[in-house]
Protein backbone atom coordinates (compact mmCIF):
# COMPACT_ATOMS: atom_id res chain seq x y z
CA UNK A 1 0.00 0.00 0.00
CA UNK A 2 1.30 3.44 -0.86
CA UNK A 3 1.02 6.82 0.81
CA UNK A 4 -2.20 8.83 0.63
CA UNK A 5 -3.28 10.07 -2.77
CA UNK A 6 -3.91 13.72 -3.54
CA UNK A 7 -7.53 14.73 -2.99
CA UNK A 8 -9.29 16.93 -5.57
CA UNK A 9 -9.88 20.58 -4.76
CA UNK A 10 -13.37 21.71 -3.99
CA UNK A 11 -15.33 22.44 -7.20
CA UNK A 12 -17.69 25.37 -7.49
CA UNK A 13 -20.66 23.01 -7.12
CA UNK A 14 -19.72 22.54 -3.45
CA UNK A 15 -20.97 25.95 -2.43
CA UNK A 16 -22.04 25.93 1.20
CA UNK A 17 -25.42 24.26 1.75
CA UNK A 18 -28.41 26.05 3.20
CA UNK A 19 -29.16 25.69 6.91
CA UNK A 20 -32.00 23.36 7.89
CA UNK A 21 -35.03 23.55 10.07
CA UNK A 22 -36.82 20.57 11.59
CA UNK A 23 -39.35 20.44 8.76
CA UNK A 24 -36.51 19.46 6.41
CA UNK A 25 -34.66 16.91 8.55
CA UNK A 26 -36.84 16.17 11.58
CA UNK A 27 -35.69 15.38 15.12
CA UNK A 28 -37.60 12.37 16.50
CA UNK A 29 -37.62 11.08 20.08
CA UNK A 30 -37.07 7.30 20.01
CA UNK A 31 -37.66 6.81 23.76
CA UNK A 32 -41.44 6.12 23.44
CA UNK A 33 -40.64 3.49 20.83
CA UNK A 34 -37.99 1.80 22.96
CA UNK A 35 -40.08 1.61 26.14
CA UNK A 36 -43.65 2.57 25.29
CA UNK A 37 -46.91 0.85 24.47
CA UNK A 38 -47.78 -0.47 21.02
CA UNK A 39 -49.77 2.70 20.40
CA UNK A 40 -46.74 4.84 21.28
CA UNK A 41 -44.45 2.72 19.09
CA UNK A 42 -46.79 3.05 16.14
CA UNK A 43 -46.92 6.84 16.60
CA UNK A 44 -43.11 7.12 16.59
CA UNK A 45 -42.84 4.72 13.65
CA UNK A 46 -45.25 6.89 11.64
CA UNK A 47 -43.02 9.95 12.15
CA UNK A 48 -39.97 7.95 11.10
CA UNK A 49 -41.73 6.57 8.02
CA UNK A 50 -42.74 10.08 6.95
CA UNK A 51 -39.11 11.24 7.17
CA UNK A 52 -37.98 8.17 5.23
CA UNK A 53 -40.50 8.85 2.45
CA UNK A 54 -39.65 12.54 2.06
CA UNK A 55 -35.94 13.08 2.65
CA UNK A 56 -34.49 9.75 3.83
CA UNK A 57 -32.77 11.41 6.82
CA UNK A 58 -33.78 12.17 10.40
CA UNK A 59 -32.21 12.78 13.81
CA UNK A 60 -33.05 10.72 16.89
CA UNK A 61 -32.98 11.57 20.57
CA UNK A 62 -33.94 9.13 23.33
CA UNK A 63 -31.76 6.39 21.85
CA UNK A 64 -30.60 5.05 25.22
CA UNK A 65 -26.85 5.22 24.61
CA UNK A 66 -24.92 6.93 27.38
CA UNK A 67 -23.15 10.14 26.40
CA UNK A 68 -20.14 8.92 28.37
CA UNK A 69 -19.78 5.90 26.05
CA UNK A 70 -20.18 8.12 22.98
CA UNK A 71 -17.46 10.41 24.33
CA UNK A 72 -15.20 7.43 25.04
CA UNK A 73 -15.75 6.12 21.51
CA UNK A 74 -14.77 9.48 20.06
CA UNK A 75 -11.69 9.32 22.28
CA UNK A 76 -10.81 5.94 20.80
CA UNK A 77 -11.36 7.36 17.31
CA UNK A 78 -8.91 10.20 17.97
CA UNK A 79 -6.53 7.79 19.68
CA UNK A 80 -6.20 5.73 16.52
CA UNK A 81 -5.78 8.67 14.16
CA UNK A 82 -3.36 10.47 16.50
CA UNK A 83 -0.88 7.73 15.63
CA UNK A 84 1.75 8.50 13.00
CA UNK A 85 0.75 7.44 9.51
CA UNK A 86 3.28 4.61 9.57
CA UNK A 87 1.66 3.21 12.73
CA UNK A 88 -1.82 3.39 11.21
CA UNK A 89 -0.55 1.47 8.19
CA UNK A 90 0.37 -1.48 10.42
CA UNK A 91 -3.40 -2.04 10.72
CA UNK A 92 -4.08 -1.39 7.03
CA UNK A 93 -6.77 -3.16 5.03
CA UNK A 94 -5.48 -5.15 2.06
CA UNK A 95 -6.79 -6.67 -1.15
CA UNK A 96 -7.38 -9.93 0.72
CA UNK A 97 -8.41 -8.57 4.15
CA UNK A 98 -10.80 -5.62 3.91
CA UNK A 99 -10.93 -4.64 7.59
CA UNK A 100 -8.64 -2.10 9.17
CA UNK A 101 -7.18 1.24 8.16
CA UNK A 102 -8.05 2.71 4.76
CA UNK A 103 -6.18 5.93 3.81
CA UNK A 104 -7.62 8.77 1.77
CA UNK A 105 -8.15 7.98 -1.88
CA UNK A 106 -9.59 9.70 -4.92
CA UNK A 107 -12.07 6.86 -5.58
CA UNK A 108 -14.42 5.99 -2.73
CA UNK A 109 -16.11 2.76 -1.75
CA UNK A 110 -18.07 1.22 -4.59
CA UNK A 111 -16.33 3.42 -7.16
CA UNK A 112 -17.86 6.75 -6.05
CA UNK A 113 -15.94 10.01 -5.68
CA UNK A 114 -13.50 9.73 -2.78
CA UNK A 115 -12.18 12.48 -0.54
CA UNK A 116 -9.89 13.40 2.31
CA UNK A 117 -11.68 10.91 4.59
CA UNK A 118 -9.60 8.24 6.35
CA UNK A 119 -11.31 5.13 7.74
CA UNK A 120 -10.74 2.47 10.36
CA UNK A 121 -13.19 -0.26 9.31
CA UNK A 122 -14.65 -2.90 11.65
CA UNK A 123 -17.24 -5.57 10.96
CA UNK A 124 -18.92 -8.44 12.83
CA UNK A 125 -16.38 -10.80 14.39
CA UNK A 126 -17.39 -14.45 14.02
CA UNK A 127 -15.93 -17.37 16.03
CA UNK A 128 -12.57 -18.66 14.79
CA UNK A 129 -14.11 -22.05 13.93
CA UNK A 130 -16.94 -20.55 11.89
CA UNK A 131 -16.89 -22.21 8.42
CA UNK A 132 -16.74 -18.88 6.58
CA UNK A 133 -13.80 -17.78 8.74
CA UNK A 134 -12.01 -21.11 8.23
CA UNK A 135 -12.51 -20.79 4.46
CA UNK A 136 -10.91 -17.34 4.56
CA UNK A 137 -13.80 -15.46 2.96
CA UNK A 138 -12.84 -11.79 2.70
CA UNK A 139 -16.15 -10.60 4.12
CA UNK A 140 -15.79 -12.75 7.25
CA UNK A 141 -12.15 -12.41 8.25
CA UNK A 142 -11.48 -11.10 11.79
CA UNK A 143 -11.20 -7.46 12.71
CA UNK A 144 -7.80 -5.84 13.05
CA UNK A 145 -7.81 -4.73 16.68
CA UNK A 146 -5.29 -2.44 18.36
CA UNK A 147 -4.14 -3.97 21.68
CA UNK A 148 -1.22 -1.51 21.73
CA UNK A 149 -3.70 1.37 22.24
CA UNK A 150 -4.84 1.36 25.91
CA UNK A 151 -8.60 0.81 26.20
CA UNK A 152 -9.22 1.08 22.46
CA UNK A 153 -10.48 -2.45 21.80
CA UNK A 154 -12.80 -2.62 24.83
CA UNK A 155 -14.31 0.81 24.17
CA UNK A 156 -15.01 0.17 20.50
CA UNK A 157 -16.45 -3.28 21.22
CA UNK A 158 -18.78 -1.81 23.87
CA UNK A 159 -19.89 0.90 21.47
CA UNK A 160 -20.56 -1.61 18.67
CA UNK A 161 -22.67 -3.70 21.05
CA UNK A 162 -24.87 -0.67 21.75
CA UNK A 163 -25.15 -0.02 18.01
CA UNK A 164 -26.44 -3.57 17.55
CA UNK A 165 -29.24 -2.90 20.03
CA UNK A 166 -30.11 0.50 18.55
CA UNK A 167 -30.16 -0.86 15.00
CA UNK A 168 -32.70 -3.52 16.09
CA UNK A 169 -35.02 -0.82 17.48
CA UNK A 170 -34.76 1.16 14.25
CA UNK A 171 -35.43 -1.70 11.85
CA UNK A 172 -38.53 -2.58 13.91
CA UNK A 173 -39.66 1.03 13.73
CA UNK A 174 -39.21 0.91 9.95
CA UNK A 175 -41.34 -2.24 9.77
CA UNK A 176 -44.17 -0.77 11.84
CA UNK A 177 -44.04 2.45 9.83
CA UNK A 178 -44.51 0.40 6.67
CA UNK A 179 -47.48 -1.49 8.09
CA UNK A 180 -45.46 -4.72 8.37
CA UNK A 181 -45.05 -7.01 11.39
CA UNK A 182 -42.63 -5.39 13.83
CA UNK A 183 -40.10 -8.26 13.53
CA UNK A 184 -40.27 -8.40 9.72
CA UNK A 185 -36.60 -7.52 9.12
CA UNK A 186 -35.16 -9.52 12.04
CA UNK A 187 -34.54 -12.78 10.12
CA UNK A 188 -32.18 -10.87 7.80
CA UNK A 189 -29.90 -9.93 10.72
CA UNK A 190 -28.52 -13.21 12.12
CA UNK A 191 -24.92 -12.76 10.86
CA UNK A 192 -25.15 -9.26 9.42
CA UNK A 193 -22.47 -7.61 7.30
CA UNK A 194 -22.51 -4.56 9.55
CA UNK A 195 -19.71 -2.03 9.28
CA UNK A 196 -18.63 0.22 12.12
CA UNK A 197 -16.35 2.92 10.78
CA UNK A 198 -14.19 5.37 12.70
CA UNK A 199 -13.70 8.31 10.35
CA UNK A 200 -11.18 11.15 10.30
CA UNK A 201 -11.31 14.19 8.02
CA UNK A 202 -8.10 16.25 8.24
CA UNK A 203 -8.53 19.98 8.75
CA UNK A 204 -7.99 22.23 5.73
CA UNK A 205 -5.26 24.86 6.25
CA UNK A 206 -7.80 27.68 6.03
CA UNK A 207 -11.43 28.42 5.20
CA UNK A 208 -10.49 29.91 1.85
CA UNK A 209 -12.40 28.12 -0.93
CA UNK A 210 -9.17 27.06 -2.62
CA UNK A 211 -8.02 25.29 0.58
CA UNK A 212 -11.22 23.34 1.31
CA UNK A 213 -11.12 19.70 0.18
CA UNK A 214 -13.91 17.22 -0.45
CA UNK A 215 -14.29 15.16 2.71
CA UNK A 216 -16.54 12.52 1.13
CA UNK A 217 -17.94 12.98 -2.36
CA UNK A 218 -21.62 12.80 -3.24
CA UNK A 219 -22.94 9.28 -2.69
CA UNK A 220 -25.82 7.18 -1.42
CA UNK A 221 -25.23 4.51 1.21
CA UNK A 222 -25.48 1.00 -0.18
CA UNK A 223 -26.80 -0.93 2.82
CA UNK A 224 -30.16 -0.87 4.58
CA UNK A 225 -29.65 2.15 6.85
CA UNK A 226 -26.91 4.10 8.61
CA UNK A 227 -26.61 5.31 12.21
CA UNK A 228 -24.23 8.27 12.32
CA UNK A 229 -22.69 9.97 15.32
CA UNK A 230 -20.81 13.11 14.27
CA UNK A 231 -18.64 15.44 16.33
CA UNK A 232 -19.21 19.17 16.70
CA UNK A 233 -17.27 20.17 13.57
CA UNK A 234 -20.11 19.76 11.06
CA UNK A 235 -19.83 19.20 7.34
CA UNK A 236 -22.60 16.71 6.53
CA UNK A 237 -24.80 17.97 3.69
CA UNK A 238 -27.93 16.26 2.34
CA UNK A 239 -29.40 16.40 -1.15
CA UNK A 240 -32.90 17.19 0.10
CA UNK A 241 -35.61 16.27 -2.39
CA UNK A 242 -37.42 19.62 -2.06
CA UNK A 243 -34.75 22.07 -0.92
CA UNK A 244 -31.65 21.01 -2.89
CA UNK A 245 -28.58 20.72 -0.64
CA UNK A 246 -29.13 21.39 3.06
CA UNK A 247 -26.68 21.14 5.94
CA UNK A 248 -27.26 18.50 8.62
CA UNK A 249 -25.30 20.05 11.50
CA UNK A 250 -24.40 18.14 14.65
CA UNK A 251 -26.92 18.27 17.49
CA UNK A 252 -25.20 17.02 20.63
CA UNK A 253 -26.55 13.72 21.90
CA UNK A 254 -28.44 12.90 18.70
CA UNK A 255 -27.78 10.38 15.95
CA UNK A 256 -28.41 11.06 12.28
CA UNK A 257 -30.19 8.15 10.58
CA UNK A 258 -30.39 7.73 6.83
CA UNK A 259 -31.91 5.20 4.47
CA UNK A 260 -29.63 3.19 2.18
CA UNK A 261 -30.16 1.60 -1.21
CA UNK A 262 -31.15 -1.83 0.16
CA UNK A 263 -33.99 -0.40 2.25
CA UNK A 264 -35.15 1.58 -0.78
CA UNK A 265 -35.26 -1.70 -2.74
CA UNK A 266 -37.00 -3.56 0.08
CA UNK A 267 -39.70 -0.89 0.29
CA UNK A 268 -40.14 -0.70 -3.49
CA UNK A 269 -39.03 2.92 -3.41
CA UNK A 270 -41.33 4.10 -0.61
CA UNK A 271 -38.29 4.95 1.54
CA UNK A 272 -35.68 7.03 -0.29
CA UNK A 273 -31.92 6.63 -0.29
CA UNK A 274 -30.67 10.19 -0.59
CA UNK A 275 -27.43 11.65 -1.92
CA UNK A 276 -25.22 13.20 0.73
CA UNK A 277 -21.64 14.43 1.08
CA UNK A 278 -19.18 15.77 3.64
CA UNK A 279 -17.31 19.03 3.21
CA UNK A 280 -15.16 20.08 6.16
CA UNK A 281 -15.29 23.86 6.01
CA UNK A 282 -13.83 24.28 9.52
CA UNK A 283 -10.15 24.64 10.39
CA UNK A 284 -10.31 21.71 12.80
CA UNK A 285 -10.27 18.00 12.03
CA UNK A 286 -13.63 16.24 11.83
CA UNK A 287 -14.37 12.85 13.40
CA UNK A 288 -17.49 10.75 12.94
CA UNK A 289 -18.67 7.19 13.59
CA UNK A 290 -21.16 5.72 11.11
CA UNK A 291 -22.61 2.27 11.74
CA UNK A 292 -23.88 0.67 8.53
CA UNK A 293 -26.73 -1.68 9.48
CA UNK A 294 -26.33 -4.15 6.62
CA UNK A 295 -28.20 -7.49 6.51
CA UNK A 296 -26.78 -11.02 6.25
CA UNK A 297 -24.51 -12.10 3.42
CA UNK A 298 -27.06 -14.49 1.93
CA UNK A 299 -30.02 -12.11 2.15
CA UNK A 300 -32.03 -11.80 -1.04
CA UNK A 301 -33.21 -8.20 -1.21
CA UNK A 302 -36.41 -7.74 -3.21
CA UNK A 303 -39.45 -5.47 -2.85
CA UNK A 304 -41.79 -6.71 -0.14
CA UNK A 305 -44.94 -7.94 -1.97
CA UNK A 306 -47.21 -6.08 0.44
CA UNK A 307 -45.53 -2.81 -0.58
CA UNK A 308 -46.13 -3.24 -4.32
CA UNK A 309 -49.25 -1.36 -5.39
CA UNK A 310 -51.93 -3.59 -6.96
CA UNK A 311 -51.66 -3.62 -10.73
CA UNK A 312 -48.01 -2.51 -10.72
CA UNK A 313 -44.72 -4.38 -10.94
CA UNK A 314 -41.81 -4.45 -8.53
CA UNK A 315 -39.51 -1.46 -9.08
CA UNK A 316 -36.36 -3.54 -8.46
CA UNK A 317 -35.29 -7.12 -9.28
CA UNK A 318 -34.10 -9.47 -6.53
CA UNK A 319 -30.47 -8.96 -5.45
CA UNK A 320 -28.08 -11.22 -3.53
CA UNK A 321 -26.69 -8.88 -0.91
CA UNK A 322 -23.41 -10.69 -0.27
CA UNK A 323 -22.51 -10.82 -3.95
CA UNK A 324 -23.35 -7.13 -4.24
CA UNK A 325 -21.16 -6.20 -1.27
CA UNK A 326 -18.28 -8.33 -2.49
CA UNK A 327 -18.25 -6.32 -5.71
CA UNK A 328 -18.67 -3.08 -3.76
CA UNK A 329 -15.65 -3.66 -1.53
CA UNK A 330 -13.51 -4.89 -4.41
CA UNK A 331 -14.13 -1.57 -6.16
CA UNK A 332 -13.28 0.27 -2.96
CA UNK A 333 -9.97 -1.57 -2.67
CA UNK A 334 -9.08 -1.34 -6.36
CA UNK A 335 -6.66 1.52 -5.68
CA UNK A 336 -4.29 -1.05 -4.15
CA UNK A 337 -4.07 -2.90 -7.46
CA UNK A 338 -3.43 0.36 -9.29
CA UNK A 339 -0.77 1.35 -6.74
CA UNK A 340 1.01 -1.98 -7.17
CA UNK A 341 0.98 -1.59 -10.95
């Protein structure tokens, strides 16, 4: 693996996005869903479904995750990226082992526009004797942990465990909001291809337009949905369906949730997977922690029959999720082949 590639300058199309109000990206309290009656859960699910139909993004409060753990996880994030580049590279992802450190690159995951973003990628760890692990399948190899960083492994593992619980609440809220049984999506999450990323966006030298770099180019998330915790720096911008680009600034203690392509396929287009980007316009580094709530490798993603209007056809053909993600990650790691050549 080579050193970091140069990142393109900010084009004129990355003019600063408009500020939002809660009618554009709503803030929804999840607490009544987590601990309330069926009537309360249905009411919260209806608000979530409305956000998913209109913009594909919303904030949540009342998620049940302690702010102290969130702060510790951000500390672990900074701890990893405070290491010299050469130390980070000791945990680097490779063409054969896709977990670990991924430097900045001009081409992002899945072949989209890259950016100044640097990633430490973690996925679900399976037992060492699991058949897929024994066979050495790239999607199921173990995480690259960092025992040399005090407290890092335990903190990140504790945070990922809380993300697993929160993602279950959200997928059940999606099901209720769609008029489906609350546990509809659960069978697709036995050995999920989740991805917990620790992200670092280096600070530009100034706020002059010529110094600002693309943090993460315009893209849609490929999985079912994403749970994002961002720091106070800001930079997330959403391609709102009605208001063009709008900023989604950090609100302390809240998560930003967005719909991905697989959930859009599952819902036959009722829930929208929306373009978004990150542009760090501050003079401080940006850190964030997205959790990609992807289903199992062998999931077949197809529109739910109950969500196809009578007399119409499914908007999407069936898709094998594992095959799709294999191709996605191979594109994301293709820069290693080019570097070797």
